[in-house]
Each structure stands twice: as structure tokens, then as C-alpha cells.
Amino acid sequence: MLREQNVILDVTGHKCPVPVLRVRRMLESLPQGAILKVMASDSMTQIDVPHFCQESGYDLLEMTEEKAVFYFLIKKTGE
């Protein structure tokens, strides 16, 4: 049985559209079933990342905020 791959992508300090572009590039390079944890500081990612996941067919598992950093857990599915 394949184990899910977990990867962290830190895009803190980057402004729109860079975080979503880097998320897309990273997800494209990961195998199906991988979980990507994204850390971002741009408040627009709260809108952009969920929209990107919905449009691209990825599962947004979790979205949280702690000390002005937004965390997203995205599972690579579909395609």
C-alpha cells in the first residue's frame, strides 16, 4: 500500500498571485494522494486557495489561521 506523501510549502511574505502559482506548480509535481501543507501570510490566500482547489479538483482538507499565518491542507486528487 502506498503511503501518502506530505510536503510543506512556505509562501509567507509573497503577495497574490505568487502563492497560488507556487501551490499549483508544487501540486503538479506531487503524486496522487499527496498532502500539501501551505503556509501563507497574504490574506487574499483565504479566497484564492479555496477557489483554486475548487476549480482544479483538489481537496481542501483544512484551512486555519494562527498569528497572521494562514495554513491550508490540500490533497492531490482527480485530474
PDB file of N, CA and C in Angstrom:
ATOM      1  N   MET A   1       0.837  -1.186   0.000  1.00  0.00           N
ATOM      2  CA  MET A   1       0.000   0.000   0.000  1.00  0.00           C
ATOM      3  C   MET A   1       0.881   1.248   0.000  1.00  0.00           C
ATOM      4  N   LEU A   2       0.545   2.206  -0.863  1.00  0.00           N
ATOM      5  CA  LEU A   2       1.314   3.437  -0.944  1.00  0.00           C
ATOM      6  C   LEU A   2       0.988   4.339   0.229  1.00  0.00           C
ATOM      7  N   ARG A   3       2.008   4.949   0.791  1.00  0.00           N
ATOM      8  CA  ARG A   3       1.800   5.924   1.865  1.00  0.00           C
ATOM      9  C   ARG A   3       1.667   7.296   1.243  1.00  0.00           C
ATOM     10  N   GLU A   4       0.797   8.097   1.836  1.00  0.00           N
ATOM     11  CA  GLU A   4       0.620   9.457   1.337  1.00  0.00           C
ATOM     12  C   GLU A   4       1.885  10.260   1.599  1.00  0.00           C
ATOM     13  N   GLN A   5       2.259  11.062   0.630  1.00  0.00           N
ATOM     14  CA  GLN A   5       3.421  11.919   0.760  1.00  0.00           C
ATOM     15  C   GLN A   5       2.961  13.258   1.319  1.00  0.00           C
ATOM     16  N   ASN A   6       3.647  13.756   2.331  1.00  0.00           N
ATOM     17  CA  ASN A   6       3.311  15.043   2.923  1.00  0.00           C
ATOM     18  C   ASN A   6       4.426  16.033   2.634  1.00  0.00           C
ATOM     19  N   VAL A   7       4.051  17.202   2.107  1.00  0.00           N
ATOM     20  CA  VAL A   7       5.019  18.213   1.703  1.00  0.00           C
ATOM     21  C   VAL A   7       4.578  19.549   2.278  1.00  0.00           C
ATOM     22  N   ILE A   8       5.541  20.373   2.684  1.00  0.00           N
ATOM     23  CA  ILE A   8       5.243  21.707   3.200  1.00  0.00           C
ATOM     24  C   ILE A   8       5.743  22.746   2.204  1.00  0.00           C
ATOM     25  N   LEU A   9       4.884  23.721   1.917  1.00  0.00           N
ATOM     26  CA  LEU A   9       5.237  24.830   1.028  1.00  0.00           C
ATOM     27  C   LEU A   9       5.033  26.124   1.805  1.00  0.00           C
ATOM     28  N   ASP A  10       6.104  26.872   2.018  1.00  0.00           N
ATOM     29  CA  ASP A  10       6.051  28.133   2.759  1.00  0.00           C
ATOM     30  C   ASP A  10       6.086  29.290   1.758  1.00  0.00           C
ATOM     31  N   VAL A  11       4.945  29.974   1.629  1.00  0.00           N
ATOM     32  CA  VAL A  11       4.882  31.126   0.722  1.00  0.00           C
ATOM     33  C   VAL A  11       4.619  32.410   1.518  1.00  0.00           C
ATOM     34  N   THR A  12       4.983  32.383   2.814  1.00  0.00           N
ATOM     35  CA  THR A  12       4.826  33.597   3.615  1.00  0.00           C
ATOM     36  C   THR A  12       5.716  34.686   3.032  1.00  0.00           C
ATOM     37  N   GLY A  13       5.213  35.915   3.070  1.00  0.00           N
ATOM     38  CA  GLY A  13       5.956  37.041   2.518  1.00  0.00           C
ATOM     39  C   GLY A  13       5.662  37.300   1.055  1.00  0.00           C
ATOM     40  N   HIS A  14       4.984  36.384   0.388  1.00  0.00           N
ATOM     41  CA  HIS A  14       4.640  36.568  -1.022  1.00  0.00           C
ATOM     42  C   HIS A  14       3.212  37.075  -1.149  1.00  0.00           C
ATOM     43  N   LYS A  15       2.985  37.950  -2.122  1.00  0.00           N
ATOM     44  CA  LYS A  15       1.664  38.518  -2.376  1.00  0.00           C
ATOM     45  C   LYS A  15       1.037  37.872  -3.599  1.00  0.00           C
ATOM     46  N   CYS A  16      -0.278  37.972  -3.672  1.00  0.00           N
ATOM     47  CA  CYS A  16      -1.054  37.467  -4.802  1.00  0.00           C
ATOM     48  C   CYS A  16      -0.453  37.999  -6.106  1.00  0.00           C
ATOM     49  N   PRO A  17      -0.304  37.181  -7.120  1.00  0.00           N
ATOM     50  CA  PRO A  17      -0.773  35.812  -7.303  1.00  0.00           C
ATOM     51  C   PRO A  17       0.282  34.746  -7.013  1.00  0.00           C
ATOM     52  N   VAL A  18       1.433  35.133  -6.495  1.00  0.00           N
ATOM     53  CA  VAL A  18       2.548  34.200  -6.314  1.00  0.00           C
ATOM     54  C   VAL A  18       2.187  32.964  -5.477  1.00  0.00           C
ATOM     55  N   PRO A  19       1.501  33.108  -4.318  1.00  0.00           N
ATOM     56  CA  PRO A  19       1.208  31.905  -3.536  1.00  0.00           C
ATOM     57  C   PRO A  19       0.445  30.831  -4.312  1.00  0.00           C
ATOM     58  N   VAL A  20      -0.599  31.223  -5.032  1.00  0.00           N
ATOM     59  CA  VAL A  20      -1.383  30.228  -5.771  1.00  0.00           C
ATOM     60  C   VAL A  20      -0.578  29.639  -6.925  1.00  0.00           C
ATOM     61  N   LEU A  21       0.227  30.446  -7.573  1.00  0.00           N
ATOM     62  CA  LEU A  21       1.067  29.925  -8.662  1.00  0.00           C
ATOM     63  C   LEU A  21       2.049  28.883  -8.136  1.00  0.00           C
ATOM     64  N   ARG A  22       2.627  29.127  -6.968  1.00  0.00           N
ATOM     65  CA  ARG A  22       3.560  28.163  -6.381  1.00  0.00           C
ATOM     66  C   ARG A  22       2.848  26.910  -5.889  1.00  0.00           C
ATOM     67  N   VAL A  23       1.622  27.076  -5.355  1.00  0.00           N
ATOM     68  CA  VAL A  23       0.821  25.924  -4.936  1.00  0.00           C
ATOM     69  C   VAL A  23       0.518  25.047  -6.149  1.00  0.00           C
ATOM     70  N   ARG A  24       0.098  25.662  -7.245  1.00  0.00           N
ATOM     71  CA  ARG A  24      -0.229  24.898  -8.453  1.00  0.00           C
ATOM     72  C   ARG A  24       0.991  24.129  -8.959  1.00  0.00           C
ATOM     73  N   ARG A  25       2.127  24.795  -9.020  1.00  0.00           N
ATOM     74  CA  ARG A  25       3.353  24.150  -9.507  1.00  0.00           C
ATOM     75  C   ARG A  25       3.754  22.979  -8.610  1.00  0.00           C
ATOM     76  N   MET A  26       3.637  23.171  -7.302  1.00  0.00           N
ATOM     77  CA  MET A  26       4.013  22.110  -6.371  1.00  0.00           C
ATOM     78  C   MET A  26       3.057  20.919  -6.500  1.00  0.00           C
ATOM     79  N   LEU A  27       1.746  21.176  -6.567  1.00  0.00           N
ATOM     80  CA  LEU A  27       0.783  20.085  -6.687  1.00  0.00           C
ATOM     81  C   LEU A  27       0.978  19.307  -7.985  1.00  0.00           C
ATOM     82  N   GLU A  28       1.317  19.990  -9.056  1.00  0.00           N
ATOM     83  CA  GLU A  28       1.549  19.309 -10.335  1.00  0.00           C
ATOM     84  C   GLU A  28       2.702  18.325 -10.237  1.00  0.00           C
ATOM     85  N   SER A  29       3.666  18.607  -9.367  1.00  0.00           N
ATOM     86  CA  SER A  29       4.853  17.743  -9.255  1.00  0.00           C
ATOM     87  C   SER A  29       4.657  16.587  -8.269  1.00  0.00           C
ATOM     88  N   LEU A  30       3.557  16.604  -7.517  1.00  0.00           N
ATOM     89  CA  LEU A  30       3.338  15.577  -6.500  1.00  0.00           C
ATOM     90  C   LEU A  30       2.511  14.419  -7.044  1.00  0.00           C
ATOM     91  N   PRO A  31       2.676  13.227  -6.452  1.00  0.00           N
ATOM     92  CA  PRO A  31       1.860  12.078  -6.870  1.00  0.00           C
ATOM     93  C   PRO A  31       0.434  12.190  -6.329  1.00  0.00           C
ATOM     94  N   GLN A  32      -0.473  11.450  -6.950  1.00  0.00           N
ATOM     95  CA  GLN A  32      -1.856  11.390  -6.474  1.00  0.00           C
ATOM     96  C   GLN A  32      -1.870  10.967  -5.012  1.00  0.00           C
ATOM     97  N   GLY A  33      -2.747  11.575  -4.231  1.00  0.00           N
ATOM     98  CA  GLY A  33      -2.878  11.231  -2.821  1.00  0.00           C
ATOM     99  C   GLY A  33      -1.967  12.010  -1.895  1.00  0.00           C
ATOM    100  N   ALA A  34      -1.029  12.764  -2.453  1.00  0.00           N
ATOM    101  CA  ALA A  34      -0.111  13.547  -1.622  1.00  0.00           C
ATOM    102  C   ALA A  34      -0.879  14.653  -0.909  1.00  0.00           C
ATOM    103  N   ILE A  35      -0.392  15.014   0.268  1.00  0.00           N
ATOM    104  CA  ILE A  35      -0.966  16.106   1.048  1.00  0.00           C
ATOM    105  C   ILE A  35       0.041  17.251   1.053  1.00  0.00           C
ATOM    106  N   LEU A  36      -0.422  18.430   0.667  1.00  0.00           N
ATOM    107  CA  LEU A  36       0.425  19.623   0.657  1.00  0.00           C
ATOM    108  C   LEU A  36      -0.042  20.550   1.766  1.00  0.00           C
ATOM    109  N   LYS A  37       0.887  20.910   2.651  1.00  0.00           N
ATOM    110  CA  LYS A  37       0.595  21.899   3.695  1.00  0.00           C
ATOM    111  C   LYS A  37       1.189  23.220   3.238  1.00  0.00           C
ATOM    112  N   VAL A  38       0.335  24.225   3.136  1.00  0.00           N
ATOM    113  CA  VAL A  38       0.758  25.537   2.661  1.00  0.00           C
ATOM    114  C   VAL A  38       0.686  26.526   3.817  1.00  0.00           C
ATOM    115  N   MET A  39       1.736  27.340   3.943  1.00  0.00           N
ATOM    116  CA  MET A  39       1.784  28.423   4.920  1.00  0.00           C
ATOM    117  C   MET A  39       1.862  29.722   4.137  1.00  0.00           C
ATOM    118  N   ALA A  40       0.923  30.655   4.400  1.00  0.00           N
ATOM    119  CA  ALA A  40       0.885  31.909   3.654  1.00  0.00           C
ATOM    120  C   ALA A  40       0.570  33.066   4.593  1.00  0.00           C
ATOM    121  N   SER A  41       1.030  34.259   4.222  1.00  0.00           N
ATOM    122  CA  SER A  41       0.757  35.438   5.041  1.00  0.00           C
ATOM    123  C   SER A  41      -0.162  36.436   4.343  1.00  0.00           C
ATOM    124  N   ASP A  42      -0.354  36.305   3.050  1.00  0.00           N
ATOM    125  CA  ASP A  42      -1.228  37.213   2.303  1.00  0.00           C
ATOM    126  C   ASP A  42      -2.685  36.839   2.577  1.00  0.00           C
ATOM    127  N   SER A  43      -3.472  37.780   3.091  1.00  0.00           N
ATOM    128  CA  SER A  43      -4.865  37.487   3.435  1.00  0.00           C
ATOM    129  C   SER A  43      -5.697  37.070   2.223  1.00  0.00           C
ATOM    130  N   MET A  44      -5.282  37.443   1.027  1.00  0.00           N
ATOM    131  CA  MET A  44      -6.015  37.051  -0.180  1.00  0.00           C
ATOM    132  C   MET A  44      -5.982  35.542  -0.413  1.00  0.00           C
ATOM    133  N   THR A  45      -5.019  34.854   0.188  1.00  0.00           N
ATOM    134  CA  THR A  45      -4.968  33.401   0.007  1.00  0.00           C
ATOM    135  C   THR A  45      -6.196  32.719   0.598  1.00  0.00           C
ATOM    136  N   GLN A  46      -6.863  33.367   1.559  1.00  0.00           N
ATOM    137  CA  GLN A  46      -8.091  32.802   2.133  1.00  0.00           C
ATOM    138  C   GLN A  46      -9.185  32.653   1.075  1.00  0.00           C
ATOM    139  N   ILE A  47      -9.125  33.485   0.060  1.00  0.00           N
ATOM    140  CA  ILE A  47     -10.075  33.427  -1.056  1.00  0.00           C
ATOM    141  C   ILE A  47      -9.474  32.640  -2.215  1.00  0.00           C
ATOM    142  N   ASP A  48      -8.225  32.954  -2.544  1.00  0.00           N
ATOM    143  CA  ASP A  48      -7.590  32.402  -3.737  1.00  0.00           C
ATOM    144  C   ASP A  48      -7.335  30.894  -3.656  1.00  0.00           C
ATOM    145  N   VAL A  49      -6.841  30.400  -2.535  1.00  0.00           N
ATOM    146  CA  VAL A  49      -6.507  28.977  -2.431  1.00  0.00           C
ATOM    147  C   VAL A  49      -7.759  28.098  -2.493  1.00  0.00           C
ATOM    148  N   PRO A  50      -8.823  28.400  -1.702  1.00  0.00           N
ATOM    149  CA  PRO A  50     -10.032  27.576  -1.842  1.00  0.00           C
ATOM    150  C   PRO A  50     -10.613  27.608  -3.256  1.00  0.00           C
ATOM    151  N   HIS A  51     -10.597  28.786  -3.894  1.00  0.00           N
ATOM    152  CA  HIS A  51     -11.108  28.896  -5.272  1.00  0.00           C
ATOM    153  C   HIS A  51     -10.265  28.055  -6.224  1.00  0.00           C
ATOM    154  N   PHE A  52      -8.946  28.138  -6.088  1.00  0.00           N
ATOM    155  CA  PHE A  52      -8.052  27.346  -6.924  1.00  0.00           C
ATOM    156  C   PHE A  52      -8.333  25.849  -6.748  1.00  0.00           C
ATOM    157  N   CYS A  53      -8.482  25.401  -5.499  1.00  0.00           N
ATOM    158  CA  CYS A  53      -8.740  23.978  -5.238  1.00  0.00           C
ATOM    159  C   CYS A  53     -10.045  23.538  -5.879  1.00  0.00           C
ATOM    160  N   GLN A  54     -11.076  24.353  -5.737  1.00  0.00           N
ATOM    161  CA  GLN A  54     -12.382  24.010  -6.312  1.00  0.00           C
ATOM    162  C   GLN A  54     -12.301  23.925  -7.830  1.00  0.00           C
ATOM    163  N   GLU A  55     -11.651  24.893  -8.448  1.00  0.00           N
ATOM    164  CA  GLU A  55     -11.546  24.931  -9.903  1.00  0.00           C
ATOM    165  C   GLU A  55     -10.650  23.827 -10.463  1.00  0.00           C
ATOM    166  N   SER A  56      -9.655  23.421  -9.681  1.00  0.00           N
ATOM    167  CA  SER A  56      -8.668  22.445 -10.156  1.00  0.00           C
ATOM    168  C   SER A  56      -8.976  21.013  -9.743  1.00  0.00           C
ATOM    169  N   GLY A  57      -9.962  20.824  -8.891  1.00  0.00           N
ATOM    170  CA  GLY A  57     -10.339  19.474  -8.480  1.00  0.00           C
ATOM    171  C   GLY A  57      -9.506  18.890  -7.356  1.00  0.00           C
ATOM    172  N   TYR A  58      -8.827  19.749  -6.592  1.00  0.00           N
ATOM    173  CA  TYR A  58      -8.069  19.280  -5.426  1.00  0.00           C
ATOM    174  C   TYR A  58      -8.943  19.404  -4.186  1.00  0.00           C
ATOM    175  N   ASP A  59      -8.683  18.575  -3.181  1.00  0.00           N
ATOM    176  CA  ASP A  59      -9.456  18.617  -1.947  1.00  0.00           C
ATOM    177  C   ASP A  59      -8.790  19.529  -0.924  1.00  0.00           C
ATOM    178  N   LEU A  60      -9.482  20.594  -0.551  1.00  0.00           N
ATOM    179  CA  LEU A  60      -9.013  21.448   0.536  1.00  0.00           C
ATOM    180  C   LEU A  60      -9.501  20.810   1.832  1.00  0.00           C
ATOM    181  N   LEU A  61      -8.593  20.167   2.553  1.00  0.00           N
ATOM    182  CA  LEU A  61      -8.950  19.418   3.746  1.00  0.00           C
ATOM    183  C   LEU A  61      -9.139  20.304   4.965  1.00  0.00           C
ATOM    184  N   GLU A  62      -8.351  21.376   5.028  1.00  0.00           N
ATOM    185  CA  GLU A  62      -8.377  22.227   6.214  1.00  0.00           C
ATOM    186  C   GLU A  62      -7.827  23.601   5.881  1.00  0.00           C
ATOM    187  N   MET A  63      -8.411  24.635   6.522  1.00  0.00           N
ATOM    188  CA  MET A  63      -7.916  25.995   6.383  1.00  0.00           C
ATOM    189  C   MET A  63      -7.991  26.638   7.767  1.00  0.00           C
ATOM    190  N   THR A  64      -6.832  27.051   8.297  1.00  0.00           N
ATOM    191  CA  THR A  64      -6.786  27.654   9.622  1.00  0.00           C
ATOM    192  C   THR A  64      -5.890  28.888   9.597  1.00  0.00           C
ATOM    193  N   GLU A  65      -5.994  29.686  10.648  1.00  0.00           N
ATOM    194  CA  GLU A  65      -5.155  30.871  10.785  1.00  0.00           C
ATOM    195  C   GLU A  65      -4.591  30.904  12.193  1.00  0.00           C
ATOM    196  N   GLU A  66      -3.306  31.232  12.292  1.00  0.00           N
ATOM    197  CA  GLU A  66      -2.666  31.366  13.593  1.00  0.00           C
ATOM    198  C   GLU A  66      -1.592  32.435  13.498  1.00  0.00           C
ATOM    199  N   LYS A  67      -1.731  33.477  14.311  1.00  0.00           N
ATOM    200  CA  LYS A  67      -0.745  34.567  14.373  1.00  0.00           C
ATOM    201  C   LYS A  67      -0.461  35.155  12.991  1.00  0.00           C
ATOM    202  N   ALA A  68      -1.521  35.498  12.257  1.00  0.00           N
ATOM    203  CA  ALA A  68      -1.437  36.138  10.941  1.00  0.00           C
ATOM    204  C   ALA A  68      -0.809  35.250   9.860  1.00  0.00           C
ATOM    205  N   VAL A  69      -0.743  33.942  10.107  1.00  0.00           N
ATOM    206  CA  VAL A  69      -0.301  32.989   9.089  1.00  0.00           C
ATOM    207  C   VAL A  69      -1.475  32.061   8.792  1.00  0.00           C
ATOM    208  N   PHE A  70      -1.739  31.874   7.516  1.00  0.00           N
ATOM    209  CA  PHE A  70      -2.831  31.022   7.069  1.00  0.00           C
ATOM    210  C   PHE A  70      -2.256  29.664   6.675  1.00  0.00           C
ATOM    211  N   TYR A  71      -2.907  28.599   7.125  1.00  0.00           N
ATOM    212  CA  TYR A  71      -2.465  27.242   6.838  1.00  0.00           C
ATOM    213  C   TYR A  71      -3.544  26.523   6.033  1.00  0.00           C
ATOM    214  N   PHE A  72      -3.115  25.831   4.996  1.00  0.00           N
ATOM    215  CA  PHE A  72      -4.025  25.080   4.144  1.00  0.00           C
ATOM    216  C   PHE A  72      -3.489  23.659   4.003  1.00  0.00           C
ATOM    217  N   LEU A  73      -4.366  22.678   4.131  1.00  0.00           N
ATOM    218  CA  LEU A  73      -4.012  21.289   3.838  1.00  0.00           C
ATOM    219  C   LEU A  73      -4.763  20.903   2.576  1.00  0.00           C
ATOM    220  N   ILE A  74      -4.020  20.567   1.546  1.00  0.00           N
ATOM    221  CA  ILE A  74      -4.604  20.258   0.234  1.00  0.00           C
ATOM    222  C   ILE A  74      -4.188  18.850  -0.161  1.00  0.00           C
ATOM    223  N   LYS A  75      -5.167  18.044  -0.570  1.00  0.00           N
ATOM    224  CA  LYS A  75      -4.887  16.688  -1.031  1.00  0.00           C
ATOM    225  C   LYS A  75      -4.984  16.656  -2.550  1.00  0.00           C
ATOM    226  N   LYS A  76      -3.951  16.106  -3.178  1.00  0.00           N
ATOM    227  CA  LYS A  76      -3.957  15.984  -4.640  1.00  0.00           C
ATOM    228  C   LYS A  76      -4.843  14.814  -5.030  1.00  0.00           C
ATOM    229  N   THR A  77      -5.922  15.146  -5.695  1.00  0.00           N
ATOM    230  CA  THR A  77      -6.880  14.149  -6.174  1.00  0.00           C
ATOM    231  C   THR A  77      -7.267  14.487  -7.606  1.00  0.00           C
ATOM    232  N   GLY A  78      -8.062  13.645  -8.200  1.00  0.00           N
ATOM    233  CA  GLY A  78      -8.617  13.947  -9.527  1.00  0.00           C
ATOM    234  C   GLY A  78      -7.611  13.957 -10.635  1.00  0.00           C
ATOM    235  N   GLU A  79      -7.812  14.839 -11.558  1.00  0.00           N
ATOM    236  CA  GLU A  79      -7.061  15.050 -12.803  1.00  0.00           C
ATOM    237  C   GLU A  79      -7.528  14.135 -13.855  1.00  0.00           C
TER     238      GLU A  79
END
